């Protein structure tokens, strides 16, 4: 009976040691995989989330500015058209005619 207890105790110690060893191996494997993935990401020249968000904000701001400028250009073109139409409806002044005749 005493022999069986010692055998079970030895088996329990061996199993406990094996579990501790496997836990250490698991941690080591996770560390190595994480390091390799980080190295691979660096080699691929990927951007961080912070860099992506910063560029995304810059693009949104640039797009809003572009839309504002497009609206301004459209308004200026409309006003220029109105001025051109108004000028074409106005009779030519005698001064302009005289200048035109000289040419």
N, C-alpha and C. Protein backbone atom coordinates (compact mmCIF):
# COMPACT_ATOMS: atom_id res chain seq x y z
N UNK A 1 0.82 -1.18 0.00
CA UNK A 1 0.00 0.00 0.00
C UNK A 1 0.87 1.25 0.00
N UNK A 2 1.92 1.21 0.82
CA UNK A 2 2.85 2.33 0.91
C UNK A 2 3.49 2.58 -0.45
N UNK A 3 3.79 1.50 -1.16
CA UNK A 3 4.43 1.59 -2.47
C UNK A 3 3.51 2.27 -3.48
N UNK A 4 2.20 1.97 -3.42
CA UNK A 4 1.23 2.57 -4.32
C UNK A 4 1.13 4.06 -4.09
N UNK A 5 1.12 4.48 -2.83
CA UNK A 5 1.03 5.91 -2.51
C UNK A 5 2.24 6.67 -3.06
N UNK A 6 3.42 6.06 -2.90
CA UNK A 6 4.62 6.72 -3.42
C UNK A 6 4.57 6.79 -4.94
N UNK A 7 4.06 5.75 -5.56
CA UNK A 7 3.94 5.74 -7.02
C UNK A 7 2.99 6.84 -7.49
N UNK A 8 1.85 6.95 -6.80
CA UNK A 8 0.90 8.01 -7.16
C UNK A 8 1.48 9.40 -6.91
N UNK A 9 2.20 9.54 -5.81
CA UNK A 9 2.84 10.83 -5.53
C UNK A 9 3.86 11.18 -6.60
N UNK A 10 4.66 10.20 -7.01
CA UNK A 10 5.65 10.44 -8.06
C UNK A 10 4.97 10.79 -9.38
N UNK A 11 3.92 10.06 -9.71
CA UNK A 11 3.18 10.35 -10.94
C UNK A 11 2.57 11.76 -10.88
N UNK A 12 2.05 12.14 -9.74
CA UNK A 12 1.45 13.47 -9.59
C UNK A 12 2.52 14.55 -9.76
N UNK A 13 3.71 14.31 -9.18
CA UNK A 13 4.80 15.29 -9.33
C UNK A 13 5.25 15.39 -10.79
N UNK A 14 5.36 14.25 -11.44
CA UNK A 14 5.78 14.25 -12.85
C UNK A 14 4.74 14.97 -13.70
N UNK A 15 3.46 14.69 -13.45
CA UNK A 15 2.39 15.34 -14.21
C UNK A 15 2.38 16.85 -13.95
N UNK A 16 2.58 17.24 -12.71
CA UNK A 16 2.62 18.65 -12.36
C UNK A 16 3.79 19.35 -13.05
N UNK A 17 4.94 18.71 -13.02
CA UNK A 17 6.12 19.26 -13.70
C UNK A 17 5.90 19.38 -15.19
N UNK A 18 5.25 18.37 -15.76
CA UNK A 18 4.97 18.39 -17.20
C UNK A 18 4.02 19.54 -17.54
N UNK A 19 3.00 19.74 -16.71
CA UNK A 19 2.06 20.84 -16.95
C UNK A 19 2.75 22.19 -16.84
N UNK A 20 3.62 22.34 -15.84
CA UNK A 20 4.37 23.58 -15.71
C UNK A 20 5.26 23.82 -16.92
N UNK A 21 5.89 22.75 -17.37
CA UNK A 21 6.76 22.85 -18.54
C UNK A 21 5.95 23.21 -19.77
N UNK A 22 4.79 22.56 -19.95
CA UNK A 22 3.94 22.87 -21.10
C UNK A 22 3.43 24.30 -21.05
N UNK A 23 3.12 24.78 -19.84
CA UNK A 23 2.69 26.18 -19.70
C UNK A 23 3.80 27.14 -20.12
N UNK A 24 5.02 26.84 -19.73
CA UNK A 24 6.16 27.66 -20.13
C UNK A 24 6.39 27.61 -21.62
N UNK A 25 6.25 26.43 -22.20
CA UNK A 25 6.42 26.28 -23.64
C UNK A 25 5.34 27.06 -24.38
N UNK A 26 4.11 26.99 -23.86
CA UNK A 26 3.00 27.73 -24.48
C UNK A 26 3.31 29.23 -24.48
N UNK A 27 3.77 29.76 -23.36
CA UNK A 27 4.12 31.18 -23.28
C UNK A 27 5.24 31.53 -24.25
N UNK A 28 6.23 30.65 -24.33
CA UNK A 28 7.36 30.88 -25.23
C UNK A 28 6.90 30.89 -26.69
N UNK A 29 6.04 29.95 -27.04
CA UNK A 29 5.52 29.89 -28.42
C UNK A 29 4.72 31.15 -28.74
N UNK A 30 3.86 31.57 -27.82
CA UNK A 30 3.08 32.79 -28.05
C UNK A 30 3.98 34.00 -28.24
N UNK A 31 5.03 34.09 -27.44
CA UNK A 31 5.97 35.21 -27.55
C UNK A 31 6.66 35.19 -28.91
N UNK A 32 7.12 34.03 -29.32
CA UNK A 32 7.81 33.91 -30.62
C UNK A 32 6.88 34.24 -31.78
N UNK A 33 5.65 33.77 -31.71
CA UNK A 33 4.68 34.05 -32.78
C UNK A 33 4.40 35.55 -32.84
N UNK A 34 4.20 36.17 -31.68
CA UNK A 34 3.94 37.62 -31.64
C UNK A 34 5.12 38.39 -32.22
N UNK A 35 6.35 38.00 -31.86
CA UNK A 35 7.54 38.67 -32.39
C UNK A 35 7.61 38.53 -33.91
N UNK A 36 7.32 37.34 -34.39
CA UNK A 36 7.39 37.08 -35.83
C UNK A 36 6.33 37.89 -36.58
N UNK A 37 5.14 37.95 -36.03
CA UNK A 37 4.07 38.72 -36.67
C UNK A 37 4.41 40.22 -36.69
N UNK A 38 4.99 40.72 -35.61
CA UNK A 38 5.40 42.13 -35.57
C UNK A 38 6.49 42.39 -36.61
N UNK A 39 7.44 41.48 -36.71
CA UNK A 39 8.52 41.63 -37.70
C UNK A 39 7.95 41.60 -39.11
N UNK A 40 7.01 40.69 -39.35
CA UNK A 40 6.38 40.58 -40.65
C UNK A 40 5.59 41.86 -40.98
N UNK A 41 4.88 42.40 -40.01
CA UNK A 41 4.12 43.63 -40.22
C UNK A 41 5.07 44.79 -40.54
N UNK A 42 6.21 44.85 -39.86
CA UNK A 42 7.18 45.90 -40.13
C UNK A 42 7.78 45.76 -41.53
N UNK A 43 8.03 44.54 -41.94
CA UNK A 43 8.59 44.30 -43.27
C UNK A 43 7.59 44.67 -44.36
N UNK A 44 6.31 44.51 -44.06
CA UNK A 44 5.27 44.83 -45.04
C UNK A 44 4.99 46.32 -45.09
N UNK A 45 5.62 47.09 -44.24
CA UNK A 45 5.48 48.54 -44.20
C UNK A 45 4.02 48.95 -43.98
N UNK A 46 3.37 48.30 -43.03
CA UNK A 46 2.00 48.62 -42.68
C UNK A 46 1.97 49.84 -41.78
N UNK A 47 0.86 50.55 -41.80
CA UNK A 47 0.73 51.73 -40.95
C UNK A 47 -0.01 51.36 -39.67
N UNK A 48 0.23 52.15 -38.66
CA UNK A 48 -0.48 51.93 -37.40
C UNK A 48 -1.89 52.50 -37.51
N UNK A 49 -2.74 52.12 -36.61
CA UNK A 49 -4.11 52.62 -36.60
C UNK A 49 -4.12 54.14 -36.41
N UNK A 50 -3.22 54.63 -35.55
CA UNK A 50 -3.16 56.07 -35.30
C UNK A 50 -2.78 56.83 -36.57
N UNK A 51 -1.79 56.31 -37.31
CA UNK A 51 -1.39 56.95 -38.56
C UNK A 51 -2.54 56.92 -39.57
N UNK A 52 -3.22 55.79 -39.65
CA UNK A 52 -4.35 55.66 -40.57
C UNK A 52 -5.44 56.68 -40.23
N UNK A 53 -5.77 56.79 -38.95
CA UNK A 53 -6.82 57.72 -38.53
C UNK A 53 -6.42 59.17 -38.80
N UNK A 54 -5.14 59.49 -38.62
CA UNK A 54 -4.66 60.85 -38.88
C UNK A 54 -4.79 61.18 -40.37
N UNK A 55 -4.38 60.27 -41.22
CA UNK A 55 -4.47 60.49 -42.67
C UNK A 55 -5.94 60.57 -43.09
N UNK A 56 -6.75 59.74 -42.50
CA UNK A 56 -8.19 59.75 -42.82
C UNK A 56 -8.81 61.10 -42.47
N UNK A 57 -8.43 61.68 -41.34
CA UNK A 57 -8.93 63.00 -40.95
C UNK A 57 -8.44 64.07 -41.92
N UNK A 58 -7.18 63.96 -42.34
CA UNK A 58 -6.64 64.92 -43.30
C UNK A 58 -7.38 64.83 -44.63
N UNK A 59 -7.69 63.63 -45.07
CA UNK A 59 -8.42 63.45 -46.33
C UNK A 59 -9.82 64.03 -46.23
N UNK A 60 -10.48 63.81 -45.10
CA UNK A 60 -11.82 64.35 -44.92
C UNK A 60 -11.79 65.88 -44.95
N UNK A 61 -10.79 66.46 -44.31
CA UNK A 61 -10.66 67.93 -44.30
C UNK A 61 -10.38 68.44 -45.71
N UNK A 62 -9.49 67.76 -46.44
CA UNK A 62 -9.16 68.17 -47.80
C UNK A 62 -10.39 68.05 -48.71
N UNK A 63 -11.16 67.01 -48.52
CA UNK A 63 -12.37 66.82 -49.33
C UNK A 63 -13.38 67.93 -49.06
N UNK A 64 -13.57 68.29 -47.80
CA UNK A 64 -14.49 69.36 -47.45
C UNK A 64 -14.01 70.69 -48.07
N UNK A 65 -12.72 70.94 -48.02
CA UNK A 65 -12.16 72.16 -48.62
C UNK A 65 -12.36 72.16 -50.13
N UNK A 66 -12.16 71.01 -50.76
CA UNK A 66 -12.35 70.89 -52.20
C UNK A 66 -13.81 71.19 -52.57
N UNK A 67 -14.73 70.64 -51.82
CA UNK A 67 -16.15 70.88 -52.09
C UNK A 67 -16.49 72.36 -51.90
N UNK A 68 -15.91 72.99 -50.88
CA UNK A 68 -16.15 74.42 -50.65
C UNK A 68 -15.62 75.24 -51.82
N UNK A 69 -14.42 74.89 -52.28
CA UNK A 69 -13.83 75.62 -53.41
C UNK A 69 -14.60 75.39 -54.70
N UNK A 70 -15.09 74.17 -54.91
CA UNK A 70 -15.91 73.90 -56.09
C UNK A 70 -17.17 74.76 -56.09
N UNK A 71 -17.80 74.88 -54.94
CA UNK A 71 -19.00 75.71 -54.83
C UNK A 71 -18.66 77.17 -55.09
N UNK A 72 -17.51 77.61 -54.58
CA UNK A 72 -17.10 79.01 -54.80
C UNK A 72 -16.82 79.27 -56.27
N UNK A 73 -16.13 78.35 -56.93
CA UNK A 73 -15.84 78.51 -58.36
C UNK A 73 -17.14 78.53 -59.15
N UNK A 74 -18.08 77.66 -58.82
CA UNK A 74 -19.36 77.64 -59.52
C UNK A 74 -20.09 78.98 -59.34
N UNK A 75 -20.06 79.52 -58.14
CA UNK A 75 -20.70 80.81 -57.88
C UNK A 75 -20.02 81.92 -58.67
N UNK A 76 -18.69 81.94 -58.70
CA UNK A 76 -17.96 82.95 -59.47
C UNK A 76 -18.24 82.82 -60.97
N UNK A 77 -18.32 81.59 -61.47
CA UNK A 77 -18.63 81.39 -62.89
C UNK A 77 -20.04 81.90 -63.20
N UNK A 78 -20.98 81.65 -62.29
CA UNK A 78 -22.35 82.12 -62.49
C UNK A 78 -22.38 83.65 -62.53
N UNK A 79 -21.67 84.28 -61.59
CA UNK A 79 -21.63 85.74 -61.56
C UNK A 79 -20.95 86.31 -62.81
N UNK A 80 -19.90 85.66 -63.27
CA UNK A 80 -19.21 86.10 -64.47
C UNK A 80 -20.14 86.00 -65.69
N UNK A 81 -20.90 84.93 -65.75
CA UNK A 81 -21.86 84.76 -66.83
C UNK A 81 -22.90 85.87 -66.81
N UNK A 82 -23.41 86.18 -65.61
CA UNK A 82 -24.39 87.26 -65.46
C UNK A 82 -23.81 88.58 -65.93
N UNK A 83 -22.56 88.86 -65.55
CA UNK A 83 -21.92 90.11 -65.98
C UNK A 83 -21.74 90.14 -67.49
N UNK A 84 -21.37 89.03 -68.08
CA UNK A 84 -21.18 88.96 -69.53
C UNK A 84 -22.52 89.17 -70.25
N UNK A 85 -23.58 88.56 -69.72
CA UNK A 85 -24.90 88.75 -70.32
C UNK A 85 -25.35 90.20 -70.20
N UNK A 86 -25.13 90.80 -69.03
CA UNK A 86 -25.51 92.20 -68.83
C UNK A 86 -24.71 93.11 -69.77
N UNK A 87 -23.44 92.80 -69.97
CA UNK A 87 -22.60 93.62 -70.85
C UNK A 87 -23.05 93.47 -72.30
N UNK A 88 -23.49 92.30 -72.68
CA UNK A 88 -23.91 92.10 -74.07
C UNK A 88 -25.26 92.75 -74.34
N UNK A 89 -26.09 92.94 -73.33
CA UNK A 89 -27.40 93.59 -73.50
C UNK A 89 -27.26 95.10 -73.54
N UNK A 90 -26.22 95.65 -72.96
CA UNK A 90 -26.00 97.09 -72.93
C UNK A 90 -25.53 97.58 -74.29
N UNK A 91 -26.06 98.70 -74.72
CA UNK A 91 -25.55 99.25 -76.00
C UNK A 91 -24.10 99.71 -75.81
N UNK A 92 -23.36 99.61 -76.85
CA UNK A 92 -21.96 100.03 -76.79
C UNK A 92 -21.89 101.53 -76.62
N UNK A 93 -21.03 102.00 -75.79
CA UNK A 93 -20.89 103.44 -75.57
C UNK A 93 -20.18 104.06 -76.76
N UNK A 94 -20.42 105.33 -77.01
CA UNK A 94 -19.75 106.00 -78.15
C UNK A 94 -18.24 105.94 -78.02
N UNK A 95 -17.77 106.00 -76.84
CA UNK A 95 -16.33 105.96 -76.62
C UNK A 95 -15.76 104.62 -77.07
N UNK A 96 -16.47 103.57 -76.78
CA UNK A 96 -16.01 102.23 -77.20
C UNK A 96 -16.07 102.11 -78.72
N UNK A 97 -17.10 102.65 -79.31
CA UNK A 97 -17.23 102.59 -80.77
C UNK A 97 -16.07 103.35 -81.43
N UNK A 98 -15.77 104.49 -80.91
CA UNK A 98 -14.70 105.31 -81.47
C UNK A 98 -13.37 104.58 -81.36
N UNK A 99 -13.17 103.96 -80.22
CA UNK A 99 -11.91 103.21 -80.03
C UNK A 99 -11.88 102.04 -80.99
N UNK A 100 -13.04 101.43 -81.21
CA UNK A 100 -13.11 100.29 -82.13
C UNK A 100 -12.90 100.72 -83.57
N UNK A 101 -13.35 101.91 -83.93
CA UNK A 101 -13.20 102.39 -85.29
C UNK A 101 -11.76 102.70 -85.63
N UNK A 102 -11.01 103.13 -84.62
CA UNK A 102 -9.62 103.48 -84.86
C UNK A 102 -8.77 102.26 -85.15
N UNK A 103 -9.16 101.14 -84.63
CA UNK A 103 -8.36 99.94 -84.79
C UNK A 103 -8.48 99.40 -86.12
